[in-house]
C-alpha cells in the first residue's frame, strides 16, 4: 500500500464524478438544486424553532402573571 493510497483513491473518485457531471449537466443541476433545497429546509426549520421558542417563552411569562394574580386572590390561610 502506498502512502498516498486513500488520497489517490479519493482524487480518482472526485475526478470521475466531475467527468460524469461534465457529461450530463442536467445531473449537475439536479445536485445543485437538491443542495439548495436542503439549505432552504434547514433555514425554514431554524426559523420555526426560533419562533416556537419565543412563543413558549411568551406563554410561560403570561402563565406566571396569571399564577401571581390567582395567588393574590386567594387569602392566606392562617394555621
PDB file of N, CA and C in Angstrom:
ATOM      1  N   UNK A   1       0.857  -1.187   0.000  1.00  0.00           N
ATOM      2  CA  UNK A   1       0.000   0.000   0.000  1.00  0.00           C
ATOM      3  C   UNK A   1       0.894   1.238   0.000  1.00  0.00           C
ATOM      4  N   UNK A   2       0.641   2.130  -0.890  1.00  0.00           N
ATOM      5  CA  UNK A   2       1.447   3.339  -0.998  1.00  0.00           C
ATOM      6  C   UNK A   2       0.985   4.362   0.026  1.00  0.00           C
ATOM      7  N   UNK A   3       1.859   5.287   0.424  1.00  0.00           N
ATOM      8  CA  UNK A   3       1.483   6.286   1.416  1.00  0.00           C
ATOM      9  C   UNK A   3       0.327   7.169   0.961  1.00  0.00           C
ATOM     10  N   UNK A   4       0.183   7.413  -0.318  1.00  0.00           N
ATOM     11  CA  UNK A   4      -0.882   8.287  -0.811  1.00  0.00           C
ATOM     12  C   UNK A   4      -2.086   7.508  -1.291  1.00  0.00           C
ATOM     13  N   UNK A   5      -2.256   6.280  -0.867  1.00  0.00           N
ATOM     14  CA  UNK A   5      -3.328   5.417  -1.349  1.00  0.00           C
ATOM     15  C   UNK A   5      -4.723   6.000  -1.196  1.00  0.00           C
ATOM     16  N   UNK A   6      -5.164   6.295   0.037  1.00  0.00           N
ATOM     17  CA  UNK A   6      -6.524   6.826   0.200  1.00  0.00           C
ATOM     18  C   UNK A   6      -6.719   8.169  -0.492  1.00  0.00           C
ATOM     19  N   UNK A   7      -5.704   9.001  -0.479  1.00  0.00           N
ATOM     20  CA  UNK A   7      -5.816  10.309  -1.121  1.00  0.00           C
ATOM     21  C   UNK A   7      -5.932  10.142  -2.640  1.00  0.00           C
ATOM     22  N   UNK A   8      -5.164   9.219  -3.180  1.00  0.00           N
ATOM     23  CA  UNK A   8      -5.242   8.977  -4.625  1.00  0.00           C
ATOM     24  C   UNK A   8      -6.600   8.412  -5.019  1.00  0.00           C
ATOM     25  N   UNK A   9      -7.120   7.502  -4.201  1.00  0.00           N
ATOM     26  CA  UNK A   9      -8.447   6.938  -4.491  1.00  0.00           C
ATOM     27  C   UNK A   9      -9.522   8.014  -4.425  1.00  0.00           C
ATOM     28  N   UNK A  10      -9.435   8.890  -3.439  1.00  0.00           N
ATOM     29  CA  UNK A  10     -10.403   9.982  -3.328  1.00  0.00           C
ATOM     30  C   UNK A  10     -10.298  10.906  -4.530  1.00  0.00           C
ATOM     31  N   UNK A  11      -9.088  11.159  -4.991  1.00  0.00           N
ATOM     32  CA  UNK A  11      -8.898  12.011  -6.172  1.00  0.00           C
ATOM     33  C   UNK A  11      -9.494  11.356  -7.408  1.00  0.00           C
ATOM     34  N   UNK A  12      -9.331  10.039  -7.536  1.00  0.00           N
ATOM     35  CA  UNK A  12      -9.909   9.329  -8.676  1.00  0.00           C
ATOM     36  C   UNK A  12     -11.432   9.397  -8.654  1.00  0.00           C
ATOM     37  N   UNK A  13     -12.003   9.213  -7.471  1.00  0.00           N
ATOM     38  CA  UNK A  13     -13.461   9.279  -7.341  1.00  0.00           C
ATOM     39  C   UNK A  13     -13.950  10.680  -7.687  1.00  0.00           C
ATOM     40  N   UNK A  14     -13.276  11.701  -7.177  1.00  0.00           N
ATOM     41  CA  UNK A  14     -13.678  13.076  -7.466  1.00  0.00           C
ATOM     42  C   UNK A  14     -13.548  13.380  -8.950  1.00  0.00           C
ATOM     43  N   UNK A  15     -12.486  12.891  -9.557  1.00  0.00           N
ATOM     44  CA  UNK A  15     -12.288  13.122 -10.990  1.00  0.00           C
ATOM     45  C   UNK A  15     -13.373  12.444 -11.810  1.00  0.00           C
ATOM     46  N   UNK A  16     -13.698  11.201 -11.463  1.00  0.00           N
ATOM     47  CA  UNK A  16     -14.744  10.501 -12.215  1.00  0.00           C
ATOM     48  C   UNK A  16     -16.101  11.167 -12.007  1.00  0.00           C
ATOM     49  N   UNK A  17     -16.356  11.646 -10.776  1.00  0.00           N
ATOM     50  CA  UNK A  17     -17.616  12.347 -10.511  1.00  0.00           C
ATOM     51  C   UNK A  17     -17.713  13.611 -11.356  1.00  0.00           C
ATOM     52  N   UNK A  18     -16.628  14.366 -11.419  1.00  0.00           N
ATOM     53  CA  UNK A  18     -16.638  15.596 -12.218  1.00  0.00           C
ATOM     54  C   UNK A  18     -16.781  15.274 -13.710  1.00  0.00           C
ATOM     55  N   UNK A  19     -16.183  14.176 -14.181  1.00  0.00           N
ATOM     56  CA  UNK A  19     -16.348  13.785 -15.582  1.00  0.00           C
ATOM     57  C   UNK A  19     -17.805  13.444 -15.885  1.00  0.00           C
ATOM     58  N   UNK A  20     -18.443  12.733 -14.975  1.00  0.00           N
ATOM     59  CA  UNK A  20     -19.862  12.387 -15.165  1.00  0.00           C
ATOM     60  C   UNK A  20     -20.708  13.654 -15.181  1.00  0.00           C
ATOM     61  N   UNK A  21     -20.433  14.565 -14.259  1.00  0.00           N
ATOM     62  CA  UNK A  21     -21.209  15.806 -14.198  1.00  0.00           C
ATOM     63  C   UNK A  21     -20.965  16.679 -15.430  1.00  0.00           C
ATOM     64  N   UNK A  22     -19.762  16.644 -15.959  1.00  0.00           N
ATOM     65  CA  UNK A  22     -19.462  17.421 -17.159  1.00  0.00           C
ATOM     66  C   UNK A  22     -20.216  16.841 -18.362  1.00  0.00           C
ATOM     67  N   UNK A  23     -20.346  15.522 -18.381  1.00  0.00           N
ATOM     68  CA  UNK A  23     -21.023  14.867 -19.498  1.00  0.00           C
ATOM     69  C   UNK A  23     -22.540  15.040 -19.414  1.00  0.00           C
ATOM     70  N   UNK A  24     -23.065  15.177 -18.193  1.00  0.00           N
ATOM     71  CA  UNK A  24     -24.515  15.285 -18.019  1.00  0.00           C
ATOM     72  C   UNK A  24     -24.828  16.517 -17.152  1.00  0.00           C
ATOM     73  N   UNK A  25     -24.965  17.674 -17.770  1.00  0.00           N
ATOM     74  CA  UNK A  25     -25.195  18.900 -16.998  1.00  0.00           C
ATOM     75  C   UNK A  25     -26.525  18.901 -16.246  1.00  0.00           C
ATOM     76  N   UNK A  26     -27.486  18.122 -16.740  1.00  0.00           N
ATOM     77  CA  UNK A  26     -28.770  18.056 -16.041  1.00  0.00           C
ATOM     78  C   UNK A  26     -28.589  17.411 -14.663  1.00  0.00           C
ATOM     79  N   UNK A  27     -27.735  16.420 -14.576  1.00  0.00           N
ATOM     80  CA  UNK A  27     -27.451  15.794 -13.282  1.00  0.00           C
ATOM     81  C   UNK A  27     -26.777  16.786 -12.344  1.00  0.00           C
ATOM     82  N   UNK A  28     -25.867  17.566 -12.858  1.00  0.00           N
ATOM     83  CA  UNK A  28     -25.209  18.585 -12.036  1.00  0.00           C
ATOM     84  C   UNK A  28     -26.226  19.600 -11.526  1.00  0.00           C
ATOM     85  N   UNK A  29     -27.126  20.014 -12.386  1.00  0.00           N
ATOM     86  CA  UNK A  29     -28.162  20.958 -11.968  1.00  0.00           C
ATOM     87  C   UNK A  29     -29.046  20.344 -10.882  1.00  0.00           C
ATOM     88  N   UNK A  30     -29.320  19.066 -11.008  1.00  0.00           N
ATOM     89  CA  UNK A  30     -30.141  18.383 -10.012  1.00  0.00           C
ATOM     90  C   UNK A  30     -29.420  18.310  -8.667  1.00  0.00           C
ATOM     91  N   UNK A  31     -28.135  18.044  -8.681  1.00  0.00           N
ATOM     92  CA  UNK A  31     -27.359  18.006  -7.445  1.00  0.00           C
ATOM     93  C   UNK A  31     -27.348  19.390  -6.797  1.00  0.00           C
ATOM     94  N   UNK A  32     -27.117  20.415  -7.575  1.00  0.00           N
ATOM     95  CA  UNK A  32     -27.091  21.782  -7.045  1.00  0.00           C
ATOM     96  C   UNK A  32     -28.458  22.160  -6.481  1.00  0.00           C
ATOM     97  N   UNK A  33     -29.519  21.801  -7.188  1.00  0.00           N
ATOM     98  CA  UNK A  33     -30.863  22.115  -6.728  1.00  0.00           C
ATOM     99  C   UNK A  33     -31.172  21.391  -5.419  1.00  0.00           C
ATOM    100  N   UNK A  34     -30.761  20.131  -5.302  1.00  0.00           N
ATOM    101  CA  UNK A  34     -31.001  19.384  -4.067  1.00  0.00           C
ATOM    102  C   UNK A  34     -30.252  20.006  -2.896  1.00  0.00           C
ATOM    103  N   UNK A  35     -29.021  20.447  -3.114  1.00  0.00           N
ATOM    104  CA  UNK A  35     -28.273  21.098  -2.046  1.00  0.00           C
ATOM    105  C   UNK A  35     -28.929  22.413  -1.636  1.00  0.00           C
ATOM    106  N   UNK A  36     -29.408  23.164  -2.616  1.00  0.00           N
ATOM    107  CA  UNK A  36     -30.102  24.415  -2.308  1.00  0.00           C
ATOM    108  C   UNK A  36     -31.390  24.141  -1.534  1.00  0.00           C
ATOM    109  N   UNK A  37     -32.093  23.091  -1.904  1.00  0.00           N
ATOM    110  CA  UNK A  37     -33.335  22.732  -1.215  1.00  0.00           C
ATOM    111  C   UNK A  37     -33.053  22.309   0.228  1.00  0.00           C
ATOM    112  N   UNK A  38     -31.974  21.566   0.434  1.00  0.00           N
ATOM    113  CA  UNK A  38     -31.589  21.201   1.795  1.00  0.00           C
ATOM    114  C   UNK A  38     -31.261  22.441   2.624  1.00  0.00           C
ATOM    115  N   UNK A  39     -30.577  23.392   2.018  1.00  0.00           N
ATOM    116  CA  UNK A  39     -30.278  24.640   2.710  1.00  0.00           C
ATOM    117  C   UNK A  39     -31.549  25.404   3.066  1.00  0.00           C
ATOM    118  N   UNK A  40     -32.495  25.430   2.149  1.00  0.00           N
ATOM    119  CA  UNK A  40     -33.766  26.105   2.407  1.00  0.00           C
ATOM    120  C   UNK A  40     -34.519  25.425   3.539  1.00  0.00           C
ATOM    121  N   UNK A  41     -34.568  24.092   3.520  1.00  0.00           N
ATOM    122  CA  UNK A  41     -35.247  23.363   4.599  1.00  0.00           C
ATOM    123  C   UNK A  41     -34.597  23.636   5.948  1.00  0.00           C
ATOM    124  N   UNK A  42     -33.273  23.696   5.980  1.00  0.00           N
ATOM    125  CA  UNK A  42     -32.580  23.993   7.237  1.00  0.00           C
ATOM    126  C   UNK A  42     -32.948  25.390   7.723  1.00  0.00           C
ATOM    127  N   UNK A  43     -32.958  26.355   6.824  1.00  0.00           N
ATOM    128  CA  UNK A  43     -33.302  27.729   7.191  1.00  0.00           C
ATOM    129  C   UNK A  43     -34.726  27.807   7.739  1.00  0.00           C
ATOM    130  N   UNK A  44     -35.670  27.172   7.058  1.00  0.00           N
ATOM    131  CA  UNK A  44     -37.066  27.205   7.493  1.00  0.00           C
ATOM    132  C   UNK A  44     -37.214  26.529   8.852  1.00  0.00           C
ATOM    133  N   UNK A  45     -36.556  25.381   9.039  1.00  0.00           N
ATOM    134  CA  UNK A  45     -36.645  24.676  10.312  1.00  0.00           C
ATOM    135  C   UNK A  45     -36.050  25.510  11.439  1.00  0.00           C
ATOM    136  N   UNK A  46     -34.961  26.197  11.168  1.00  0.00           N
ATOM    137  CA  UNK A  46     -34.346  27.046  12.194  1.00  0.00           C
ATOM    138  C   UNK A  46     -35.270  28.209  12.556  1.00  0.00           C
ATOM    139  N   UNK A  47     -35.912  28.796  11.562  1.00  0.00           N
ATOM    140  CA  UNK A  47     -36.832  29.907  11.834  1.00  0.00           C
ATOM    141  C   UNK A  47     -38.038  29.430  12.637  1.00  0.00           C
ATOM    142  N   UNK A  48     -38.565  28.266  12.302  1.00  0.00           N
ATOM    143  CA  UNK A  48     -39.716  27.725  13.028  1.00  0.00           C
ATOM    144  C   UNK A  48     -39.326  27.420  14.468  1.00  0.00           C
ATOM    145  N   UNK A  49     -38.150  26.838  14.675  1.00  0.00           N
ATOM    146  CA  UNK A  49     -37.700  26.529  16.033  1.00  0.00           C
ATOM    147  C   UNK A  49     -37.527  27.803  16.854  1.00  0.00           C
ATOM    148  N   UNK A  50     -36.986  28.844  16.251  1.00  0.00           N
ATOM    149  CA  UNK A  50     -36.816  30.117  16.956  1.00  0.00           C
ATOM    150  C   UNK A  50     -38.164  30.724  17.317  1.00  0.00           C
ATOM    151  N   UNK A  51     -39.112  30.661  16.388  1.00  0.00           N
ATOM    152  CA  UNK A  51     -40.435  31.230  16.656  1.00  0.00           C
ATOM    153  C   UNK A  51     -41.144  30.454  17.758  1.00  0.00           C
ATOM    154  N   UNK A  52     -41.037  29.113  17.726  1.00  0.00           N
ATOM    155  CA  UNK A  52     -41.676  28.316  18.776  1.00  0.00           C
ATOM    156  C   UNK A  52     -41.050  28.602  20.131  1.00  0.00           C
ATOM    157  N   UNK A  53     -39.745  28.792  20.180  1.00  0.00           N
ATOM    158  CA  UNK A  53     -39.092  29.120  21.449  1.00  0.00           C
ATOM    159  C   UNK A  53     -39.601  30.457  21.974  1.00  0.00           C
ATOM    160  N   UNK A  54     -39.744  31.438  21.088  1.00  0.00           N
ATOM    161  CA  UNK A  54     -40.274  32.746  21.512  1.00  0.00           C
ATOM    162  C   UNK A  54     -41.713  32.630  22.001  1.00  0.00           C
ATOM    163  N   UNK A  55     -42.528  31.850  21.296  1.00  0.00           N
ATOM    164  CA  UNK A  55     -43.923  31.666  21.712  1.00  0.00           C
ATOM    165  C   UNK A  55     -43.991  30.949  23.053  1.00  0.00           C
ATOM    166  N   UNK A  56     -43.135  29.941  23.244  1.00  0.00           N
ATOM    167  CA  UNK A  56     -43.112  29.224  24.515  1.00  0.00           C
ATOM    168  C   UNK A  56     -42.747  30.162  25.660  1.00  0.00           C
ATOM    169  N   UNK A  57     -41.741  30.987  25.443  1.00  0.00           N
ATOM    170  CA  UNK A  57     -41.343  31.939  26.487  1.00  0.00           C
ATOM    171  C   UNK A  57     -42.444  32.932  26.784  1.00  0.00           C
ATOM    172  N   UNK A  58     -43.149  33.379  25.752  1.00  0.00           N
ATOM    173  CA  UNK A  58     -44.266  34.314  25.946  1.00  0.00           C
ATOM    174  C   UNK A  58     -45.395  33.652  26.727  1.00  0.00           C
ATOM    175  N   UNK A  59     -45.719  32.423  26.390  1.00  0.00           N
ATOM    176  CA  UNK A  59     -46.788  31.699  27.091  1.00  0.00           C
ATOM    177  C   UNK A  59     -46.407  31.484  28.552  1.00  0.00           C
ATOM    178  N   UNK A  60     -45.156  31.114  28.794  1.00  0.00           N
ATOM    179  CA  UNK A  60     -44.729  30.881  30.178  1.00  0.00           C
ATOM    180  C   UNK A  60     -44.753  32.176  30.985  1.00  0.00           C
ATOM    181  N   UNK A  61     -44.364  33.288  30.380  1.00  0.00           N
ATOM    182  CA  UNK A  61     -44.414  34.573  31.083  1.00  0.00           C
ATOM    183  C   UNK A  61     -45.852  34.944  31.410  1.00  0.00           C
ATOM    184  N   UNK A  62     -46.754  34.721  30.474  1.00  0.00           N
ATOM    185  CA  UNK A  62     -48.167  35.019  30.701  1.00  0.00           C
ATOM    186  C   UNK A  62     -48.731  34.113  31.795  1.00  0.00           C
ATOM    187  N   UNK A  63     -48.335  32.861  31.784  1.00  0.00           N
ATOM    188  CA  UNK A  63     -48.797  31.917  32.799  1.00  0.00           C
ATOM    189  C   UNK A  63     -48.304  32.325  34.185  1.00  0.00           C
ATOM    190  N   UNK A  64     -47.087  32.839  34.258  1.00  0.00           N
ATOM    191  CA  UNK A  64     -46.571  33.322  35.536  1.00  0.00           C
ATOM    192  C   UNK A  64     -47.393  34.508  36.050  1.00  0.00           C
ATOM    193  N   UNK A  65     -47.778  35.391  35.138  1.00  0.00           N
ATOM    194  CA  UNK A  65     -48.603  36.534  35.540  1.00  0.00           C
ATOM    195  C   UNK A  65     -49.968  36.066  36.056  1.00  0.00           C
ATOM    196  N   UNK A  66     -50.556  35.103  35.373  1.00  0.00           N
ATOM    197  CA  UNK A  66     -51.859  34.569  35.788  1.00  0.00           C
ATOM    198  C   UNK A  66     -51.734  33.879  37.147  1.00  0.00           C
ATOM    199  N   UNK A  67     -50.680  33.121  37.337  1.00  0.00           N
ATOM    200  CA  UNK A  67     -50.470  32.450  38.624  1.00  0.00           C
ATOM    201  C   UNK A  67     -50.315  33.464  39.748  1.00  0.00           C
ATOM    202  N   UNK A  68     -49.615  34.547  39.492  1.00  0.00           N
ATOM    203  CA  UNK A  68     -49.440  35.587  40.512  1.00  0.00           C
ATOM    204  C   UNK A  68     -50.787  36.239  40.852  1.00  0.00           C
ATOM    205  N   UNK A  69     -51.621  36.482  39.826  1.00  0.00           N
ATOM    206  CA  UNK A  69     -52.950  37.043  40.094  1.00  0.00           C
ATOM    207  C   UNK A  69     -53.786  36.083  40.929  1.00  0.00           C
ATOM    208  N   UNK A  70     -53.773  34.802  40.612  1.00  0.00           N
ATOM    209  CA  UNK A  70     -54.519  33.820  41.395  1.00  0.00           C
ATOM    210  C   UNK A  70     -53.986  33.744  42.823  1.00  0.00           C
ATOM    211  N   UNK A  71     -52.690  33.816  42.969  1.00  0.00           N
ATOM    212  CA  UNK A  71     -52.094  33.761  44.302  1.00  0.00           C
ATOM    213  C   UNK A  71     -52.542  34.954  45.136  1.00  0.00           C
ATOM    214  N   UNK A  72     -52.660  36.136  44.517  1.00  0.00           N
ATOM    215  CA  UNK A  72     -53.091  37.320  45.238  1.00  0.00           C
ATOM    216  C   UNK A  72     -54.593  37.295  45.544  1.00  0.00           C
ATOM    217  N   UNK A  73     -55.375  36.544  44.798  1.00  0.00           N
ATOM    218  CA  UNK A  73     -56.818  36.480  45.025  1.00  0.00           C
ATOM    219  C   UNK A  73     -57.180  35.548  46.176  1.00  0.00           C
ATOM    220  N   UNK A  74     -56.391  34.543  46.411  1.00  0.00           N
ATOM    221  CA  UNK A  74     -56.691  33.593  47.465  1.00  0.00           C
ATOM    222  C   UNK A  74     -56.130  34.120  48.787  1.00  0.00           C
ATOM    223  N   UNK A  75     -56.973  34.239  49.796  1.00  0.00           N
ATOM    224  CA  UNK A  75     -56.464  34.757  51.078  1.00  0.00           C
ATOM    225  C   UNK A  75     -55.498  33.752  51.710  1.00  0.00           C
ATOM    226  N   UNK A  76     -54.535  34.291  52.419  1.00  0.00           N
ATOM    227  CA  UNK A  76     -53.538  33.429  53.061  1.00  0.00           C
ATOM    228  C   UNK A  76     -54.209  32.654  54.186  1.00  0.00           C
ATOM    229  N   UNK A  77     -53.942  31.394  54.257  1.00  0.00           N
ATOM    230  CA  UNK A  77     -54.548  30.564  55.311  1.00  0.00           C
ATOM    231  C   UNK A  77     -53.663  30.665  56.554  1.00  0.00           C
ATOM    232  N   UNK A  78     -54.313  30.934  57.667  1.00  0.00           N
ATOM    233  CA  UNK A  78     -53.586  31.026  58.935  1.00  0.00           C
ATOM    234  C   UNK A  78     -53.662  29.676  59.618  1.00  0.00           C
ATOM    235  N   UNK A  79     -52.559  29.264  60.171  1.00  0.00           N
ATOM    236  CA  UNK A  79     -52.545  27.955  60.816  1.00  0.00           C
ATOM    237  C   UNK A  79     -52.540  28.086  62.309  1.00  0.00           C
TER     238      UNK A  79
END
